[in-house]
Amino acid sequence: MNAQQLTAERETRYEEAIASVQAESRKTRASRRRGTLLAAIIFVGVVGLIEVVLAVARVPEWTIPRPTRIAEAWWQNLGNVILPNAGITLLEVLIGFVCGAVIGVVLGGVIGEYQILDKILSPFILILITTPVVALVPLLMLWFGYGLETKIIAAAIASFPPIMMNTVAGLTKTPAMHLDLMKYLGASRWEVFTRVKFLNALPSIFTGLTIGSIFALITTVAAEFVGGSTGLGNRLIYYASTVQTPLMFAIILSLAVIGIIIYVSVAALARRVVTWQN
């Protein structure tokens, strides 16, 4: 077999491999579309069933309103109540989450690199993790008032511990073979950290970011329960006190949408950054 035949055979195998990968990718996309369609059909069916059951059973609206009534309340108050307050809540969550993420990754990186700090800071971190952040909100309001600052600080305090813990866990799971290879190549400590340890810890870090983002949202809404006059959490408490149940469910639905958007955004960022896991 001459060189031209070998080259032709390699090109044929390469084209067959590409075609196989493309076919598998098409099958995966088709399977995902079918799954999404099935989930949508089931969701619509469940909502329709709830609508029928509540209408037939004549359940009072102040206890459980029908889905159509919730949708009507959501639409009627979208521009003047839901969107403005959702923007405030989302702003508090995002700023607090970003601050918590920076603190968590930096502190986790330092602790993962210097084990002595882990022993020194462990008691304080344990106290912070096991203490419900909501219990600190009245104290934060005493110190910082009832403005956005209190909610942002509460969100940061709630989000950084899981991010920090996952950062430390990812750094400590670096394969010894990789560290030995970098040591053999004469890499500096900073090069080992940035080129091996940190990249190896990225999947774990994004897991912490996902958890931390949800903690930030929960804590922000809880802080809005306690004080302030804006935000979806504050509106939820107000509508509960005035027994406006459809609007309560509309606010809860809006919070669920915000949570899903945050979760999907972090997951999409993880897929783009941690490409070697795909």
C-alpha atoms as a PDB file:
ATOM      1  CA  MET A   1       0.000   0.000   0.000  1.00  0.00           C
ATOM      2  CA  ASN A   2       1.566   3.278  -1.149  1.00  0.00           C
ATOM      3  CA  ALA A   3       1.431   6.677   0.531  1.00  0.00           C
ATOM      4  CA  GLN A   4      -1.500   7.929  -1.541  1.00  0.00           C
ATOM      5  CA  GLN A   5      -3.622   4.915  -0.598  1.00  0.00           C
ATOM      6  CA  LEU A   6      -2.757   5.382   3.079  1.00  0.00           C
ATOM      7  CA  THR A   7      -3.699   9.044   2.912  1.00  0.00           C
ATOM      8  CA  ALA A   8      -6.980   8.234   1.163  1.00  0.00           C
ATOM      9  CA  GLU A   9      -7.808   5.564   3.764  1.00  0.00           C
ATOM     10  CA  ARG A  10      -7.100   7.954   6.635  1.00  0.00           C
ATOM     11  CA  GLU A  11      -9.291  10.635   5.055  1.00  0.00           C
ATOM     12  CA  THR A  12     -12.087   8.103   4.614  1.00  0.00           C
ATOM     13  CA  ARG A  13     -11.864   7.003   8.241  1.00  0.00           C
ATOM     14  CA  TYR A  14     -11.756  10.635   9.350  1.00  0.00           C
ATOM     15  CA  GLU A  15     -14.881  11.472   7.320  1.00  0.00           C
ATOM     16  CA  GLU A  16     -16.654   8.391   8.688  1.00  0.00           C
ATOM     17  CA  ALA A  17     -15.772   9.414  12.250  1.00  0.00           C
ATOM     18  CA  ILE A  18     -17.085  12.945  11.664  1.00  0.00           C
ATOM     19  CA  ALA A  19     -20.285  11.607  10.125  1.00  0.00           C
ATOM     20  CA  SER A  20     -20.759   9.264  13.098  1.00  0.00           C
ATOM     21  CA  VAL A  21     -20.302  12.109  15.584  1.00  0.00           C
ATOM     22  CA  GLN A  22     -22.693  14.350  13.652  1.00  0.00           C
ATOM     23  CA  ALA A  23     -25.315  11.607  13.511  1.00  0.00           C
ATOM     24  CA  GLU A  24     -25.005  11.012  17.249  1.00  0.00           C
ATOM     25  CA  SER A  25     -25.287  14.763  17.866  1.00  0.00           C
ATOM     26  CA  ARG A  26     -28.461  14.930  15.766  1.00  0.00           C
ATOM     27  CA  LYS A  27     -29.939  12.014  17.717  1.00  0.00           C
ATOM     28  CA  THR A  28     -29.109  13.742  21.019  1.00  0.00           C
ATOM     29  CA  ARG A  29     -30.713  17.027  19.909  1.00  0.00           C
ATOM     30  CA  ALA A  30     -33.797  15.208  18.670  1.00  0.00           C
ATOM     31  CA  SER A  31     -34.052  13.329  21.972  1.00  0.00           C
ATOM     32  CA  ARG A  32     -33.787  16.600  23.907  1.00  0.00           C
ATOM     33  CA  ARG A  33     -36.493  18.215  21.769  1.00  0.00           C
ATOM     34  CA  ARG A  34     -38.799  15.268  22.368  1.00  0.00           C
ATOM     35  CA  GLY A  35     -38.111  15.436  26.101  1.00  0.00           C
ATOM     36  CA  THR A  36     -38.797  19.182  26.184  1.00  0.00           C
ATOM     37  CA  LEU A  37     -42.030  18.742  24.204  1.00  0.00           C
ATOM     38  CA  LEU A  38     -43.167  15.930  26.494  1.00  0.00           C
ATOM     39  CA  ALA A  39     -42.426  18.016  29.607  1.00  0.00           C
ATOM     40  CA  ALA A  40     -44.393  20.954  28.158  1.00  0.00           C
ATOM     41  CA  ILE A  41     -47.365  18.730  27.358  1.00  0.00           C
ATOM     42  CA  ILE A  42     -47.336  17.231  30.860  1.00  0.00           C
ATOM     43  CA  PHE A  43     -47.074  20.701  32.434  1.00  0.00           C
ATOM     44  CA  VAL A  44     -50.013  22.053  30.429  1.00  0.00           C
ATOM     45  CA  GLY A  45     -52.024  18.932  31.249  1.00  0.00           C
ATOM     46  CA  VAL A  46     -51.351  19.240  34.982  1.00  0.00           C
ATOM     47  CA  VAL A  47     -52.265  22.947  34.976  1.00  0.00           C
ATOM     48  CA  GLY A  48     -55.458  22.203  33.070  1.00  0.00           C
ATOM     49  CA  LEU A  49     -56.358  19.420  35.483  1.00  0.00           C
ATOM     50  CA  ILE A  50     -55.833  21.744  38.463  1.00  0.00           C
ATOM     51  CA  GLU A  51     -58.051  24.345  36.797  1.00  0.00           C
ATOM     52  CA  VAL A  52     -60.860  21.825  36.296  1.00  0.00           C
ATOM     53  CA  VAL A  53     -60.582  20.331  39.792  1.00  0.00           C
ATOM     54  CA  LEU A  54     -60.641  23.721  41.522  1.00  0.00           C
ATOM     55  CA  ALA A  55     -63.594  24.882  39.409  1.00  0.00           C
ATOM     56  CA  VAL A  56     -65.627  21.713  39.981  1.00  0.00           C
ATOM     57  CA  ALA A  57     -64.839  21.581  43.704  1.00  0.00           C
ATOM     58  CA  ARG A  58     -65.592  25.326  44.027  1.00  0.00           C
ATOM     59  CA  VAL A  59     -62.503  25.936  46.140  1.00  0.00           C
ATOM     60  CA  PRO A  60     -62.540  29.513  47.524  1.00  0.00           C
ATOM     61  CA  GLU A  61     -60.184  31.853  45.709  1.00  0.00           C
ATOM     62  CA  TRP A  62     -58.628  33.107  48.935  1.00  0.00           C
ATOM     63  CA  THR A  63     -57.288  29.610  49.661  1.00  0.00           C
ATOM     64  CA  ILE A  64     -56.177  28.284  46.261  1.00  0.00           C
ATOM     65  CA  PRO A  65     -56.993  30.395  43.177  1.00  0.00           C
ATOM     66  CA  ARG A  66     -57.403  28.800  39.767  1.00  0.00           C
ATOM     67  CA  PRO A  67     -54.388  29.015  37.375  1.00  0.00           C
ATOM     68  CA  THR A  68     -56.333  31.265  35.004  1.00  0.00           C
ATOM     69  CA  ARG A  69     -57.027  33.681  37.863  1.00  0.00           C
ATOM     70  CA  ILE A  70     -53.332  33.677  38.803  1.00  0.00           C
ATOM     71  CA  ALA A  71     -52.359  34.367  35.186  1.00  0.00           C
ATOM     72  CA  GLU A  72     -54.892  37.200  35.038  1.00  0.00           C
ATOM     73  CA  ALA A  73     -53.551  38.788  38.242  1.00  0.00           C
ATOM     74  CA  TRP A  74     -49.969  38.388  36.973  1.00  0.00           C
ATOM     75  CA  TRP A  75     -50.758  40.066  33.649  1.00  0.00           C
ATOM     76  CA  GLN A  76     -52.763  42.933  35.172  1.00  0.00           C
ATOM     77  CA  ASN A  77     -49.969  43.796  37.626  1.00  0.00           C
ATOM     78  CA  LEU A  78     -46.989  43.002  35.401  1.00  0.00           C
ATOM     79  CA  GLY A  79     -46.028  46.554  34.483  1.00  0.00           C
ATOM     80  CA  ASN A  80     -46.803  48.460  37.677  1.00  0.00           C
ATOM     81  CA  VAL A  81     -45.954  45.912  40.401  1.00  0.00           C
ATOM     82  CA  ILE A  82     -44.168  42.755  39.304  1.00  0.00           C
ATOM     83  CA  LEU A  83     -41.520  44.017  36.878  1.00  0.00           C
ATOM     84  CA  PRO A  84     -40.333  47.010  38.989  1.00  0.00           C
ATOM     85  CA  ASN A  85     -40.067  44.932  42.156  1.00  0.00           C
ATOM     86  CA  ALA A  86     -38.576  41.968  40.276  1.00  0.00           C
ATOM     87  CA  GLY A  87     -35.880  44.298  38.959  1.00  0.00           C
ATOM     88  CA  ILE A  88     -35.021  45.406  42.502  1.00  0.00           C
ATOM     89  CA  THR A  89     -34.917  41.833  43.803  1.00  0.00           C
ATOM     90  CA  LEU A  90     -32.806  40.671  40.858  1.00  0.00           C
ATOM     91  CA  LEU A  91     -30.383  43.576  41.339  1.00  0.00           C
ATOM     92  CA  GLU A  92     -29.943  42.700  45.020  1.00  0.00           C
ATOM     93  CA  VAL A  93     -29.430  39.032  44.197  1.00  0.00           C
ATOM     94  CA  LEU A  94     -26.914  39.613  41.400  1.00  0.00           C
ATOM     95  CA  ILE A  95     -24.756  42.128  43.274  1.00  0.00           C
ATOM     96  CA  GLY A  96     -24.787  40.033  46.439  1.00  0.00           C
ATOM     97  CA  PHE A  97     -24.067  36.849  44.498  1.00  0.00           C
ATOM     98  CA  VAL A  98     -21.156  38.372  42.567  1.00  0.00           C
ATOM     99  CA  CYS A  99     -19.638  39.701  45.822  1.00  0.00           C
ATOM    100  CA  GLY A 100     -20.154  36.323  47.501  1.00  0.00           C
ATOM    101  CA  ALA A 101     -18.656  34.498  44.499  1.00  0.00           C
ATOM    102  CA  VAL A 102     -15.524  36.649  44.503  1.00  0.00           C
ATOM    103  CA  ILE A 103     -15.082  36.240  48.265  1.00  0.00           C
ATOM    104  CA  GLY A 104     -15.792  32.498  48.096  1.00  0.00           C
ATOM    105  CA  VAL A 105     -13.410  31.731  45.236  1.00  0.00           C
ATOM    106  CA  VAL A 106     -10.585  33.900  46.600  1.00  0.00           C
ATOM    107  CA  LEU A 107     -10.918  32.644  50.172  1.00  0.00           C
ATOM    108  CA  GLY A 108     -11.320  29.060  48.953  1.00  0.00           C
ATOM    109  CA  GLY A 109      -8.225  29.407  46.812  1.00  0.00           C
ATOM    110  CA  VAL A 110      -6.164  30.748  49.704  1.00  0.00           C
ATOM    111  CA  ILE A 111      -7.394  28.034  52.089  1.00  0.00           C
ATOM    112  CA  GLY A 112      -6.819  25.324  49.498  1.00  0.00           C
ATOM    113  CA  GLU A 113      -3.291  26.523  48.903  1.00  0.00           C
ATOM    114  CA  TYR A 114      -2.337  27.067  52.558  1.00  0.00           C
ATOM    115  CA  GLN A 115      -3.665  24.236  54.713  1.00  0.00           C
ATOM    116  CA  ILE A 116      -2.757  26.021  57.959  1.00  0.00           C
ATOM    117  CA  LEU A 117      -5.451  28.612  57.224  1.00  0.00           C
ATOM    118  CA  ASP A 118      -8.011  25.827  56.974  1.00  0.00           C
ATOM    119  CA  LYS A 119      -7.308  24.828  60.581  1.00  0.00           C
ATOM    120  CA  ILE A 120      -7.356  28.441  61.786  1.00  0.00           C
ATOM    121  CA  LEU A 121     -10.536  29.520  59.984  1.00  0.00           C
ATOM    122  CA  SER A 122     -12.516  26.267  60.229  1.00  0.00           C
ATOM    123  CA  PRO A 123     -14.306  27.127  63.530  1.00  0.00           C
ATOM    124  CA  PHE A 124     -15.418  30.527  62.237  1.00  0.00           C
ATOM    125  CA  ILE A 125     -16.510  29.115  58.883  1.00  0.00           C
ATOM    126  CA  LEU A 126     -18.439  26.340  60.633  1.00  0.00           C
ATOM    127  CA  ILE A 127     -20.296  28.894  62.770  1.00  0.00           C
ATOM    128  CA  LEU A 128     -21.123  30.973  59.703  1.00  0.00           C
ATOM    129  CA  ILE A 129     -22.337  27.965  57.707  1.00  0.00           C
ATOM    130  CA  THR A 130     -24.520  26.517  60.454  1.00  0.00           C
ATOM    131  CA  THR A 131     -26.087  29.870  61.425  1.00  0.00           C
ATOM    132  CA  PRO A 132     -29.182  30.693  59.341  1.00  0.00           C
ATOM    133  CA  VAL A 133     -28.378  33.914  57.515  1.00  0.00           C
ATOM    134  CA  VAL A 134     -32.013  34.995  57.895  1.00  0.00           C
ATOM    135  CA  ALA A 135     -31.382  35.214  61.639  1.00  0.00           C
ATOM    136  CA  LEU A 136     -28.681  37.813  60.921  1.00  0.00           C
ATOM    137  CA  VAL A 137     -30.953  40.044  58.832  1.00  0.00           C
ATOM    138  CA  PRO A 138     -32.412  42.044  61.786  1.00  0.00           C
ATOM    139  CA  LEU A 139     -28.868  42.678  62.989  1.00  0.00           C
ATOM    140  CA  LEU A 140     -27.757  43.749  59.514  1.00  0.00           C
ATOM    141  CA  MET A 141     -30.720  46.115  59.332  1.00  0.00           C
ATOM    142  CA  LEU A 142     -29.723  47.604  62.667  1.00  0.00           C
ATOM    143  CA  TRP A 143     -26.243  48.263  61.286  1.00  0.00           C
ATOM    144  CA  PHE A 144     -26.958  49.192  57.666  1.00  0.00           C
ATOM    145  CA  GLY A 145     -30.615  50.263  57.619  1.00  0.00           C
ATOM    146  CA  TYR A 146     -33.513  49.040  55.487  1.00  0.00           C
ATOM    147  CA  GLY A 147     -32.079  49.831  52.051  1.00  0.00           C
ATOM    148  CA  LEU A 148     -30.639  47.670  49.305  1.00  0.00           C
ATOM    149  CA  GLU A 149     -27.311  47.396  51.112  1.00  0.00           C
ATOM    150  CA  THR A 150     -28.722  45.081  53.779  1.00  0.00           C
ATOM    151  CA  LYS A 151     -30.187  42.649  51.226  1.00  0.00           C
ATOM    152  CA  ILE A 152     -26.992  42.674  49.171  1.00  0.00           C
ATOM    153  CA  ILE A 153     -24.845  41.923  52.224  1.00  0.00           C
ATOM    154  CA  ALA A 154     -27.229  39.161  53.303  1.00  0.00           C
ATOM    155  CA  ALA A 155     -27.099  37.612  49.820  1.00  0.00           C
ATOM    156  CA  ALA A 156     -23.304  37.754  49.816  1.00  0.00           C
ATOM    157  CA  ILE A 157     -23.067  36.146  53.262  1.00  0.00           C
ATOM    158  CA  ALA A 158     -25.449  33.371  52.197  1.00  0.00           C
ATOM    159  CA  SER A 159     -23.801  32.628  48.853  1.00  0.00           C
ATOM    160  CA  PHE A 160     -20.084  32.599  49.611  1.00  0.00           C
ATOM    161  CA  PRO A 161     -19.814  29.571  52.009  1.00  0.00           C
ATOM    162  CA  PRO A 162     -20.912  26.897  49.472  1.00  0.00           C
ATOM    163  CA  ILE A 163     -18.748  28.533  46.809  1.00  0.00           C
ATOM    164  CA  MET A 164     -15.750  28.574  49.138  1.00  0.00           C
ATOM    165  CA  MET A 165     -16.270  24.972  50.269  1.00  0.00           C
ATOM    166  CA  ASN A 166     -16.576  23.696  46.701  1.00  0.00           C
ATOM    167  CA  THR A 167     -13.493  25.672  45.676  1.00  0.00           C
ATOM    168  CA  VAL A 168     -11.452  24.072  48.457  1.00  0.00           C
ATOM    169  CA  ALA A 169     -12.827  20.627  47.597  1.00  0.00           C
ATOM    170  CA  GLY A 170     -11.932  21.058  43.921  1.00  0.00           C
ATOM    171  CA  LEU A 171      -8.408  22.259  44.667  1.00  0.00           C
ATOM    172  CA  THR A 172      -7.688  19.357  46.999  1.00  0.00           C
ATOM    173  CA  LYS A 173      -8.832  16.799  44.395  1.00  0.00           C
ATOM    174  CA  THR A 174      -6.090  17.646  41.903  1.00  0.00           C
ATOM    175  CA  PRO A 175      -4.500  14.370  40.704  1.00  0.00           C
ATOM    176  CA  ALA A 176      -1.047  13.827  42.218  1.00  0.00           C
ATOM    177  CA  MET A 177       0.293  12.814  38.815  1.00  0.00           C
ATOM    178  CA  HIS A 178      -0.447  16.269  37.438  1.00  0.00           C
ATOM    179  CA  LEU A 179       1.303  17.941  40.366  1.00  0.00           C
ATOM    180  CA  ASP A 180       4.324  15.665  40.019  1.00  0.00           C
ATOM    181  CA  LEU A 181       4.551  16.453  36.316  1.00  0.00           C
ATOM    182  CA  MET A 182       4.459  20.212  36.949  1.00  0.00           C
ATOM    183  CA  LYS A 183       7.098  19.822  39.650  1.00  0.00           C
ATOM    184  CA  TYR A 184       9.267  17.835  37.229  1.00  0.00           C
ATOM    185  CA  LEU A 185       8.897  20.608  34.640  1.00  0.00           C
ATOM    186  CA  GLY A 186      10.056  23.168  37.202  1.00  0.00           C
ATOM    187  CA  ALA A 187       6.804  25.100  37.374  1.00  0.00           C
ATOM    188  CA  SER A 188       6.397  27.765  40.036  1.00  0.00           C
ATOM    189  CA  ARG A 189       3.721  27.571  42.723  1.00  0.00           C
ATOM    190  CA  TRP A 190       1.639  30.175  40.919  1.00  0.00           C
ATOM    191  CA  GLU A 191       1.880  28.262  37.631  1.00  0.00           C
ATOM    192  CA  VAL A 192       0.823  25.044  39.348  1.00  0.00           C
ATOM    193  CA  PHE A 193      -2.153  26.821  40.880  1.00  0.00           C
ATOM    194  CA  THR A 194      -3.353  28.652  37.760  1.00  0.00           C
ATOM    195  CA  ARG A 195      -2.600  25.980  35.134  1.00  0.00           C
ATOM    196  CA  VAL A 196      -3.449  22.807  37.040  1.00  0.00           C
ATOM    197  CA  LYS A 197      -5.214  23.212  40.382  1.00  0.00           C
ATOM    198  CA  PHE A 198      -7.623  26.000  39.455  1.00  0.00           C
ATOM    199  CA  LEU A 199      -8.607  24.419  36.130  1.00  0.00           C
ATOM    200  CA  ASN A 200      -9.136  21.081  37.868  1.00  0.00           C
ATOM    201  CA  ALA A 201     -11.329  22.820  40.471  1.00  0.00           C
ATOM    202  CA  LEU A 202     -13.548  24.653  37.947  1.00  0.00           C
ATOM    203  CA  PRO A 203     -16.294  21.962  37.781  1.00  0.00           C
ATOM    204  CA  SER A 204     -16.517  21.973  41.574  1.00  0.00           C
ATOM    205  CA  ILE A 205     -16.458  25.787  41.660  1.00  0.00           C
ATOM    206  CA  PHE A 206     -19.397  25.996  39.260  1.00  0.00           C
ATOM    207  CA  THR A 207     -21.308  23.540  41.427  1.00  0.00           C
ATOM    208  CA  GLY A 208     -20.751  25.942  44.314  1.00  0.00           C
ATOM    209  CA  LEU A 209     -21.804  28.881  42.152  1.00  0.00           C
ATOM    210  CA  THR A 210     -25.064  27.127  41.294  1.00  0.00           C
ATOM    211  CA  ILE A 211     -25.834  26.426  44.948  1.00  0.00           C
ATOM    212  CA  GLY A 212     -24.702  29.892  46.027  1.00  0.00           C
ATOM    213  CA  SER A 213     -26.927  31.641  43.476  1.00  0.00           C
ATOM    214  CA  ILE A 214     -30.025  29.883  44.811  1.00  0.00           C
ATOM    215  CA  PHE A 215     -28.992  30.655  48.410  1.00  0.00           C
ATOM    216  CA  ALA A 216     -28.593  34.312  47.423  1.00  0.00           C
ATOM    217  CA  LEU A 217     -32.113  34.436  45.992  1.00  0.00           C
ATOM    218  CA  ILE A 218     -33.688  32.710  49.006  1.00  0.00           C
ATOM    219  CA  THR A 219     -31.899  34.966  51.496  1.00  0.00           C
ATOM    220  CA  THR A 220     -32.692  38.139  49.553  1.00  0.00           C
ATOM    221  CA  VAL A 221     -36.407  37.343  49.521  1.00  0.00           C
ATOM    222  CA  ALA A 222     -36.303  36.478  53.221  1.00  0.00           C
ATOM    223  CA  ALA A 223     -34.563  39.795  53.946  1.00  0.00           C
ATOM    224  CA  GLU A 224     -37.298  41.602  52.011  1.00  0.00           C
ATOM    225  CA  PHE A 225     -39.834  39.867  54.254  1.00  0.00           C
ATOM    226  CA  VAL A 226     -38.247  41.426  57.318  1.00  0.00           C
ATOM    227  CA  GLY A 227     -37.821  45.014  56.231  1.00  0.00           C
ATOM    228  CA  GLY A 228     -37.903  47.525  53.413  1.00  0.00           C
ATOM    229  CA  SER A 229     -40.689  48.646  51.119  1.00  0.00           C
ATOM    230  CA  THR A 230     -39.604  47.244  47.767  1.00  0.00           C
ATOM    231  CA  GLY A 231     -38.847  43.879  46.194  1.00  0.00           C
ATOM    232  CA  LEU A 232     -40.948  40.810  45.461  1.00  0.00           C
ATOM    233  CA  GLY A 233     -40.518  39.504  48.996  1.00  0.00           C
ATOM    234  CA  ASN A 234     -41.994  42.680  50.438  1.00  0.00           C
ATOM    235  CA  ARG A 235     -44.922  42.550  47.994  1.00  0.00           C
ATOM    236  CA  LEU A 236     -45.540  38.917  48.891  1.00  0.00           C
ATOM    237  CA  ILE A 237     -45.873  39.757  52.588  1.00  0.00           C
ATOM    238  CA  TYR A 238     -48.128  42.726  51.769  1.00  0.00           C
ATOM    239  CA  TYR A 239     -50.489  40.669  49.628  1.00  0.00           C
ATOM    240  CA  ALA A 240     -50.568  37.943  52.273  1.00  0.00           C
ATOM    241  CA  SER A 241     -51.598  40.478  54.919  1.00  0.00           C
ATOM    242  CA  THR A 242     -54.399  41.775  52.676  1.00  0.00           C
ATOM    243  CA  VAL A 243     -55.470  38.250  51.593  1.00  0.00           C
ATOM    244  CA  GLN A 244     -54.880  38.876  47.881  1.00  0.00           C
ATOM    245  CA  THR A 245     -54.115  35.237  47.144  1.00  0.00           C
ATOM    246  CA  PRO A 246     -53.994  35.407  43.308  1.00  0.00           C
ATOM    247  CA  LEU A 247     -51.358  38.140  43.537  1.00  0.00           C
ATOM    248  CA  MET A 248     -49.444  36.092  46.104  1.00  0.00           C
ATOM    249  CA  PHE A 249     -49.273  33.181  43.668  1.00  0.00           C
ATOM    250  CA  ALA A 250     -48.295  35.588  40.875  1.00  0.00           C
ATOM    251  CA  ILE A 251     -45.365  36.822  42.970  1.00  0.00           C
ATOM    252  CA  ILE A 252     -44.344  33.245  43.813  1.00  0.00           C
ATOM    253  CA  LEU A 253     -44.476  32.384  40.114  1.00  0.00           C
ATOM    254  CA  SER A 254     -42.275  35.376  39.311  1.00  0.00           C
ATOM    255  CA  LEU A 255     -39.731  34.315  41.939  1.00  0.00           C
ATOM    256  CA  ALA A 256     -39.702  30.810  40.477  1.00  0.00           C
ATOM    257  CA  VAL A 257     -38.996  32.249  37.025  1.00  0.00           C
ATOM    258  CA  ILE A 258     -36.120  34.337  38.408  1.00  0.00           C
ATOM    259  CA  GLY A 259     -34.674  31.263  40.126  1.00  0.00           C
ATOM    260  CA  ILE A 260     -34.868  29.228  36.915  1.00  0.00           C
ATOM    261  CA  ILE A 261     -33.226  32.017  34.898  1.00  0.00           C
ATOM    262  CA  ILE A 262     -30.350  32.275  37.385  1.00  0.00           C
ATOM    263  CA  TYR A 263     -29.881  28.491  37.500  1.00  0.00           C
ATOM    264  CA  VAL A 264     -29.940  28.121  33.701  1.00  0.00           C
ATOM    265  CA  SER A 265     -27.543  31.075  33.272  1.00  0.00           C
ATOM    266  CA  VAL A 266     -24.953  29.611  35.648  1.00  0.00           C
ATOM    267  CA  ALA A 267     -25.296  26.178  34.020  1.00  0.00           C
ATOM    268  CA  ALA A 268     -24.846  27.692  30.532  1.00  0.00           C
ATOM    269  CA  LEU A 269     -21.760  29.597  31.687  1.00  0.00           C
ATOM    270  CA  ALA A 270     -20.353  26.378  33.144  1.00  0.00           C
ATOM    271  CA  ARG A 271     -20.813  24.562  29.814  1.00  0.00           C
ATOM    272  CA  ARG A 272     -18.965  27.334  27.998  1.00  0.00           C
ATOM    273  CA  VAL A 273     -16.096  27.549  30.484  1.00  0.00           C
ATOM    274  CA  VAL A 274     -15.633  23.889  31.459  1.00  0.00           C
ATOM    275  CA  THR A 275     -15.582  22.678  27.860  1.00  0.00           C
ATOM    276  CA  TRP A 276     -13.614  19.504  28.581  1.00  0.00           C
ATOM    277  CA  GLN A 277     -16.556  18.047  30.520  1.00  0.00           C
ATOM    278  CA  ASN A 278     -18.933  18.229  27.534  1.00  0.00           C
END
